[in-house]
Amino acid sequence: MPDTAREIFVKNLRYFMEAKGITQADICRELDVSSATASDWCTGKKYPRVDAMQRLADLLGVRFSTLTTESGIQDYEDLQIVEALHQNPKLRALFSIQVGLRPQSLDAVTAIVKEIAKERGDDD
């Protein structure tokens, strides 16, 4: 069963607060709202007005739609990958190479990358 708009908002809000290290106290201070209001938003008890939601998105450094759509978190993570590819020529080169690889070759490269990540202690 799909999440309601409020459930999607709460899930996305909590994700970005944790990812960006922003607390309810930060929201109160930066948006000039009461602690009860910030708590209500974070628990889904209340839904912010559109203007408050835009200010919240601005504080979190995301688009309004990132907070309000079911694909918001995935879209944000995909954008982070695209930005990393754009900014790093070596990553761009790896991406360009993989486009023409056969599935078996791509599987081999993926296995190597996963092994390197495992050695470093990174999670998938």
N, C-alpha and C. Protein backbone atom coordinates (compact mmCIF):
# COMPACT_ATOMS: atom_id res chain seq x y z
N MET A 1 0.84 -1.18 0.00
CA MET A 1 0.00 0.00 0.00
C MET A 1 0.89 1.24 0.00
N PRO A 2 0.66 2.19 -0.91
CA PRO A 2 1.50 3.37 -0.99
C PRO A 2 1.38 4.25 0.26
N ASP A 3 2.45 4.93 0.57
CA ASP A 3 2.44 5.85 1.70
C ASP A 3 1.57 7.06 1.37
N THR A 4 1.02 7.66 2.41
CA THR A 4 0.29 8.90 2.23
C THR A 4 1.28 10.03 2.03
N ALA A 5 0.80 11.17 1.56
CA ALA A 5 1.67 12.33 1.35
C ALA A 5 2.37 12.72 2.65
N ARG A 6 1.65 12.65 3.75
CA ARG A 6 2.24 13.02 5.04
C ARG A 6 3.33 12.03 5.44
N GLU A 7 3.09 10.73 5.23
CA GLU A 7 4.10 9.71 5.56
C GLU A 7 5.35 9.88 4.70
N ILE A 8 5.15 10.19 3.45
CA ILE A 8 6.29 10.43 2.55
C ILE A 8 7.08 11.63 3.03
N PHE A 9 6.38 12.71 3.37
CA PHE A 9 7.06 13.91 3.85
C PHE A 9 7.87 13.61 5.11
N VAL A 10 7.27 12.91 6.07
CA VAL A 10 7.96 12.61 7.34
C VAL A 10 9.19 11.75 7.08
N LYS A 11 9.05 10.72 6.26
CA LYS A 11 10.19 9.85 5.95
C LYS A 11 11.32 10.65 5.30
N ASN A 12 10.97 11.49 4.33
CA ASN A 12 11.98 12.28 3.65
C ASN A 12 12.59 13.32 4.58
N LEU A 13 11.78 13.97 5.38
CA LEU A 13 12.28 14.97 6.33
C LEU A 13 13.28 14.33 7.29
N ARG A 14 12.92 13.22 7.86
CA ARG A 14 13.82 12.54 8.82
C ARG A 14 15.12 12.12 8.14
N TYR A 15 15.01 11.60 6.93
CA TYR A 15 16.21 11.18 6.20
C TYR A 15 17.16 12.35 6.01
N PHE A 16 16.64 13.48 5.52
CA PHE A 16 17.51 14.62 5.23
C PHE A 16 18.00 15.33 6.49
N MET A 17 17.19 15.32 7.54
CA MET A 17 17.68 15.88 8.80
C MET A 17 18.89 15.08 9.27
N GLU A 18 18.80 13.76 9.23
CA GLU A 18 19.93 12.93 9.67
C GLU A 18 21.12 13.09 8.74
N ALA A 19 20.86 13.06 7.43
CA ALA A 19 21.95 13.16 6.46
C ALA A 19 22.68 14.49 6.55
N LYS A 20 21.97 15.55 6.86
CA LYS A 20 22.56 16.89 6.90
C LYS A 20 22.94 17.31 8.32
N GLY A 21 22.64 16.46 9.31
CA GLY A 21 22.98 16.79 10.69
C GLY A 21 22.16 17.95 11.25
N ILE A 22 20.92 18.04 10.84
CA ILE A 22 20.05 19.12 11.28
C ILE A 22 19.07 18.57 12.31
N THR A 23 18.97 19.27 13.43
CA THR A 23 18.11 18.84 14.53
C THR A 23 16.81 19.63 14.53
N GLN A 24 15.88 19.18 15.36
CA GLN A 24 14.64 19.94 15.52
C GLN A 24 14.94 21.33 16.08
N ALA A 25 15.92 21.42 16.95
CA ALA A 25 16.31 22.72 17.50
C ALA A 25 16.80 23.65 16.38
N ASP A 26 17.54 23.10 15.41
CA ASP A 26 17.99 23.89 14.27
C ASP A 26 16.80 24.41 13.47
N ILE A 27 15.82 23.54 13.27
CA ILE A 27 14.62 23.94 12.53
C ILE A 27 13.91 25.07 13.26
N CYS A 28 13.76 24.93 14.56
CA CYS A 28 13.12 25.97 15.36
C CYS A 28 13.83 27.31 15.21
N ARG A 29 15.13 27.27 15.35
CA ARG A 29 15.93 28.49 15.30
C ARG A 29 15.91 29.11 13.90
N GLU A 30 16.17 28.31 12.89
CA GLU A 30 16.31 28.83 11.53
C GLU A 30 14.98 29.23 10.89
N LEU A 31 13.90 28.54 11.25
CA LEU A 31 12.60 28.83 10.64
C LEU A 31 11.70 29.63 11.57
N ASP A 32 12.20 29.90 12.78
CA ASP A 32 11.46 30.67 13.78
C ASP A 32 10.10 30.04 14.06
N VAL A 33 10.14 28.74 14.38
CA VAL A 33 8.93 28.01 14.77
C VAL A 33 9.14 27.42 16.16
N SER A 34 8.04 27.09 16.80
CA SER A 34 8.12 26.53 18.15
C SER A 34 8.63 25.08 18.09
N SER A 35 9.09 24.61 19.23
CA SER A 35 9.55 23.22 19.29
C SER A 35 8.38 22.26 19.06
N ALA A 36 7.19 22.65 19.50
CA ALA A 36 6.00 21.81 19.27
C ALA A 36 5.72 21.69 17.78
N THR A 37 5.87 22.79 17.05
CA THR A 37 5.62 22.77 15.61
C THR A 37 6.64 21.87 14.91
N ALA A 38 7.91 22.04 15.23
CA ALA A 38 8.95 21.20 14.62
C ALA A 38 8.71 19.73 14.95
N SER A 39 8.35 19.45 16.18
CA SER A 39 8.07 18.08 16.58
C SER A 39 6.87 17.51 15.81
N ASP A 40 5.84 18.32 15.67
CA ASP A 40 4.65 17.87 14.92
C ASP A 40 5.00 17.55 13.47
N TRP A 41 5.86 18.33 12.86
CA TRP A 41 6.29 18.06 11.48
C TRP A 41 7.07 16.76 11.42
N CYS A 42 7.97 16.57 12.37
CA CYS A 42 8.86 15.40 12.35
C CYS A 42 8.14 14.10 12.66
N THR A 43 7.03 14.19 13.37
CA THR A 43 6.27 12.99 13.72
C THR A 43 5.09 12.76 12.79
N GLY A 44 4.79 13.76 11.97
CA GLY A 44 3.66 13.64 11.07
C GLY A 44 2.33 14.03 11.68
N LYS A 45 2.38 14.56 12.88
CA LYS A 45 1.14 15.00 13.53
C LYS A 45 0.51 16.14 12.74
N LYS A 46 1.36 17.01 12.22
CA LYS A 46 0.90 18.13 11.39
C LYS A 46 1.77 18.22 10.15
N TYR A 47 1.20 18.79 9.13
CA TYR A 47 1.87 18.98 7.84
C TYR A 47 2.15 20.46 7.69
N PRO A 48 3.38 20.85 7.35
CA PRO A 48 3.66 22.29 7.23
C PRO A 48 2.92 22.93 6.06
N ARG A 49 2.67 24.23 6.21
CA ARG A 49 2.12 24.99 5.09
C ARG A 49 3.16 25.01 3.97
N VAL A 50 2.72 25.33 2.77
CA VAL A 50 3.60 25.31 1.61
C VAL A 50 4.80 26.24 1.80
N ASP A 51 4.57 27.44 2.32
CA ASP A 51 5.69 28.37 2.51
C ASP A 51 6.69 27.84 3.53
N ALA A 52 6.18 27.22 4.60
CA ALA A 52 7.08 26.66 5.61
C ALA A 52 7.84 25.46 5.05
N MET A 53 7.16 24.67 4.22
CA MET A 53 7.83 23.52 3.63
C MET A 53 8.95 23.97 2.69
N GLN A 54 8.75 25.05 1.96
CA GLN A 54 9.80 25.57 1.08
C GLN A 54 10.98 26.06 1.90
N ARG A 55 10.72 26.74 3.01
CA ARG A 55 11.81 27.20 3.88
C ARG A 55 12.55 26.01 4.48
N LEU A 56 11.81 24.96 4.80
CA LEU A 56 12.41 23.73 5.33
C LEU A 56 13.30 23.08 4.27
N ALA A 57 12.81 23.00 3.04
CA ALA A 57 13.61 22.45 1.95
C ALA A 57 14.89 23.27 1.76
N ASP A 58 14.75 24.59 1.82
CA ASP A 58 15.92 25.47 1.67
C ASP A 58 16.93 25.21 2.78
N LEU A 59 16.45 25.06 4.00
CA LEU A 59 17.34 24.78 5.14
C LEU A 59 18.08 23.47 4.95
N LEU A 60 17.38 22.47 4.41
CA LEU A 60 17.98 21.15 4.20
C LEU A 60 18.81 21.08 2.92
N GLY A 61 18.73 22.12 2.09
CA GLY A 61 19.51 22.15 0.87
C GLY A 61 18.98 21.21 -0.20
N VAL A 62 17.65 21.03 -0.22
CA VAL A 62 17.02 20.16 -1.21
C VAL A 62 15.88 20.92 -1.89
N ARG A 63 15.37 20.33 -2.95
CA ARG A 63 14.22 20.90 -3.63
C ARG A 63 12.95 20.59 -2.84
N PHE A 64 11.96 21.42 -3.02
CA PHE A 64 10.65 21.21 -2.40
C PHE A 64 10.14 19.80 -2.73
N SER A 65 10.23 19.44 -4.01
CA SER A 65 9.72 18.14 -4.45
C SER A 65 10.47 16.97 -3.81
N THR A 66 11.70 17.20 -3.41
CA THR A 66 12.49 16.15 -2.76
C THR A 66 11.86 15.76 -1.42
N LEU A 67 11.26 16.73 -0.75
CA LEU A 67 10.60 16.44 0.52
C LEU A 67 9.21 15.83 0.35
N THR A 68 8.59 16.08 -0.79
CA THR A 68 7.17 15.75 -0.92
C THR A 68 6.86 14.56 -1.82
N THR A 69 7.84 14.05 -2.53
CA THR A 69 7.55 12.95 -3.45
C THR A 69 8.15 11.64 -2.96
N GLU A 70 7.49 10.56 -3.33
CA GLU A 70 7.94 9.23 -2.90
C GLU A 70 9.35 8.93 -3.39
N SER A 71 9.70 9.44 -4.56
CA SER A 71 11.03 9.20 -5.12
C SER A 71 12.05 10.25 -4.69
N GLY A 72 11.68 11.14 -3.78
CA GLY A 72 12.54 12.25 -3.39
C GLY A 72 13.93 11.85 -2.93
N ILE A 73 14.02 10.86 -2.06
CA ILE A 73 15.32 10.43 -1.54
C ILE A 73 16.15 9.82 -2.66
N GLN A 74 15.55 8.93 -3.44
CA GLN A 74 16.29 8.29 -4.54
C GLN A 74 16.71 9.32 -5.57
N ASP A 75 15.84 10.27 -5.88
CA ASP A 75 16.18 11.33 -6.84
C ASP A 75 17.38 12.14 -6.33
N TYR A 76 17.38 12.45 -5.03
CA TYR A 76 18.47 13.20 -4.43
C TYR A 76 19.77 12.41 -4.51
N GLU A 77 19.72 11.12 -4.16
CA GLU A 77 20.92 10.29 -4.20
C GLU A 77 21.43 10.15 -5.63
N ASP A 78 20.52 10.01 -6.59
CA ASP A 78 20.92 9.94 -8.00
C ASP A 78 21.59 11.24 -8.43
N LEU A 79 21.05 12.37 -7.99
CA LEU A 79 21.64 13.67 -8.32
C LEU A 79 23.04 13.80 -7.74
N GLN A 80 23.24 13.28 -6.52
CA GLN A 80 24.57 13.31 -5.91
C GLN A 80 25.57 12.54 -6.76
N ILE A 81 25.13 11.40 -7.29
CA ILE A 81 26.00 10.59 -8.15
C ILE A 81 26.33 11.34 -9.43
N VAL A 82 25.33 11.94 -10.03
CA VAL A 82 25.54 12.70 -11.27
C VAL A 82 26.51 13.85 -11.02
N GLU A 83 26.34 14.55 -9.91
CA GLU A 83 27.24 15.66 -9.58
C GLU A 83 28.66 15.16 -9.37
N ALA A 84 28.81 14.02 -8.69
CA ALA A 84 30.15 13.45 -8.48
C ALA A 84 30.78 13.08 -9.81
N LEU A 85 30.00 12.50 -10.71
CA LEU A 85 30.51 12.15 -12.04
C LEU A 85 30.94 13.40 -12.80
N HIS A 86 30.15 14.43 -12.68
CA HIS A 86 30.44 15.68 -13.39
C HIS A 86 31.72 16.35 -12.88
N GLN A 87 31.93 16.29 -11.58
CA GLN A 87 33.05 17.00 -10.96
C GLN A 87 34.37 16.24 -11.01
N ASN A 88 34.33 14.93 -11.20
CA ASN A 88 35.55 14.14 -11.12
C ASN A 88 35.83 13.47 -12.47
N PRO A 89 36.85 13.93 -13.19
CA PRO A 89 37.15 13.36 -14.50
C PRO A 89 37.41 11.85 -14.48
N LYS A 90 38.00 11.34 -13.39
CA LYS A 90 38.27 9.90 -13.32
C LYS A 90 36.97 9.11 -13.22
N LEU A 91 36.02 9.64 -12.44
CA LEU A 91 34.72 8.97 -12.35
C LEU A 91 33.98 9.04 -13.69
N ARG A 92 34.09 10.17 -14.36
CA ARG A 92 33.47 10.30 -15.68
C ARG A 92 34.04 9.26 -16.63
N ALA A 93 35.35 9.06 -16.56
CA ALA A 93 36.00 8.09 -17.45
C ALA A 93 35.50 6.68 -17.14
N LEU A 94 35.39 6.33 -15.85
CA LEU A 94 34.86 5.02 -15.49
C LEU A 94 33.43 4.84 -15.99
N PHE A 95 32.64 5.88 -15.82
CA PHE A 95 31.25 5.81 -16.28
C PHE A 95 31.19 5.64 -17.79
N SER A 96 32.01 6.39 -18.51
CA SER A 96 32.02 6.30 -19.97
C SER A 96 32.42 4.90 -20.43
N ILE A 97 33.41 4.32 -19.77
CA ILE A 97 33.87 2.98 -20.13
C ILE A 97 32.77 1.95 -19.93
N GLN A 98 32.06 2.04 -18.82
CA GLN A 98 31.07 1.02 -18.49
C GLN A 98 29.90 1.02 -19.47
N VAL A 99 29.64 2.14 -20.13
CA VAL A 99 28.51 2.21 -21.05
C VAL A 99 28.64 1.19 -22.17
N GLY A 100 29.86 0.94 -22.64
CA GLY A 100 30.05 0.01 -23.74
C GLY A 100 30.41 -1.40 -23.34
N LEU A 101 30.46 -1.69 -22.05
CA LEU A 101 30.87 -3.03 -21.60
C LEU A 101 29.76 -4.06 -21.80
N ARG A 102 30.20 -5.28 -22.08
CA ARG A 102 29.27 -6.40 -22.10
C ARG A 102 28.82 -6.66 -20.66
N PRO A 103 27.66 -7.25 -20.47
CA PRO A 103 27.16 -7.51 -19.11
C PRO A 103 28.15 -8.28 -18.24
N GLN A 104 28.86 -9.26 -18.84
CA GLN A 104 29.82 -10.04 -18.06
C GLN A 104 30.98 -9.17 -17.60
N SER A 105 31.44 -8.29 -18.46
CA SER A 105 32.54 -7.41 -18.10
C SER A 105 32.10 -6.41 -17.02
N LEU A 106 30.89 -5.91 -17.16
CA LEU A 106 30.36 -4.99 -16.15
C LEU A 106 30.23 -5.69 -14.80
N ASP A 107 29.80 -6.95 -14.82
CA ASP A 107 29.72 -7.72 -13.57
C ASP A 107 31.10 -7.87 -12.94
N ALA A 108 32.13 -8.10 -13.76
CA ALA A 108 33.49 -8.25 -13.24
C ALA A 108 33.98 -6.94 -12.61
N VAL A 109 33.73 -5.83 -13.28
CA VAL A 109 34.15 -4.52 -12.75
C VAL A 109 33.40 -4.23 -11.45
N THR A 110 32.11 -4.53 -11.43
CA THR A 110 31.31 -4.31 -10.22
C THR A 110 31.84 -5.14 -9.07
N ALA A 111 32.21 -6.38 -9.34
CA ALA A 111 32.77 -7.25 -8.30
C ALA A 111 34.07 -6.68 -7.74
N ILE A 112 34.90 -6.13 -8.61
CA ILE A 112 36.16 -5.52 -8.16
C ILE A 112 35.88 -4.33 -7.26
N VAL A 113 34.96 -3.47 -7.67
CA VAL A 113 34.63 -2.28 -6.89
C VAL A 113 34.05 -2.68 -5.52
N LYS A 114 33.19 -3.69 -5.52
CA LYS A 114 32.62 -4.15 -4.25
C LYS A 114 33.71 -4.71 -3.34
N GLU A 115 34.68 -5.42 -3.89
CA GLU A 115 35.77 -5.96 -3.10
C GLU A 115 36.61 -4.85 -2.51
N ILE A 116 36.86 -3.81 -3.29
CA ILE A 116 37.63 -2.66 -2.78
C ILE A 116 36.87 -1.99 -1.65
N ALA A 117 35.56 -1.81 -1.83
CA ALA A 117 34.74 -1.20 -0.79
C ALA A 117 34.73 -2.05 0.48
N LYS A 118 34.68 -3.36 0.30
CA LYS A 118 34.68 -4.27 1.45
C LYS A 118 36.00 -4.17 2.22
N GLU A 119 37.10 -4.09 1.50
CA GLU A 119 38.41 -3.95 2.13
C GLU A 119 38.52 -2.65 2.90
N ARG A 120 37.88 -1.60 2.38
CA ARG A 120 37.90 -0.29 3.05
C ARG A 120 36.92 -0.22 4.19
N GLY A 121 36.00 -1.21 4.25
CA GLY A 121 34.98 -1.19 5.29
C GLY A 121 33.76 -0.39 4.92
N ASP A 122 33.62 -0.05 3.63
CA ASP A 122 32.45 0.69 3.17
C ASP A 122 31.29 -0.26 3.00
N ASP A 123 30.08 0.26 3.20
CA ASP A 123 28.88 -0.53 2.97
C ASP A 123 28.44 -0.35 1.54
N ASP A 124 27.61 -1.32 1.05
CA ASP A 124 27.03 -1.21 -0.30
C ASP A 124 26.11 -0.04 -0.38
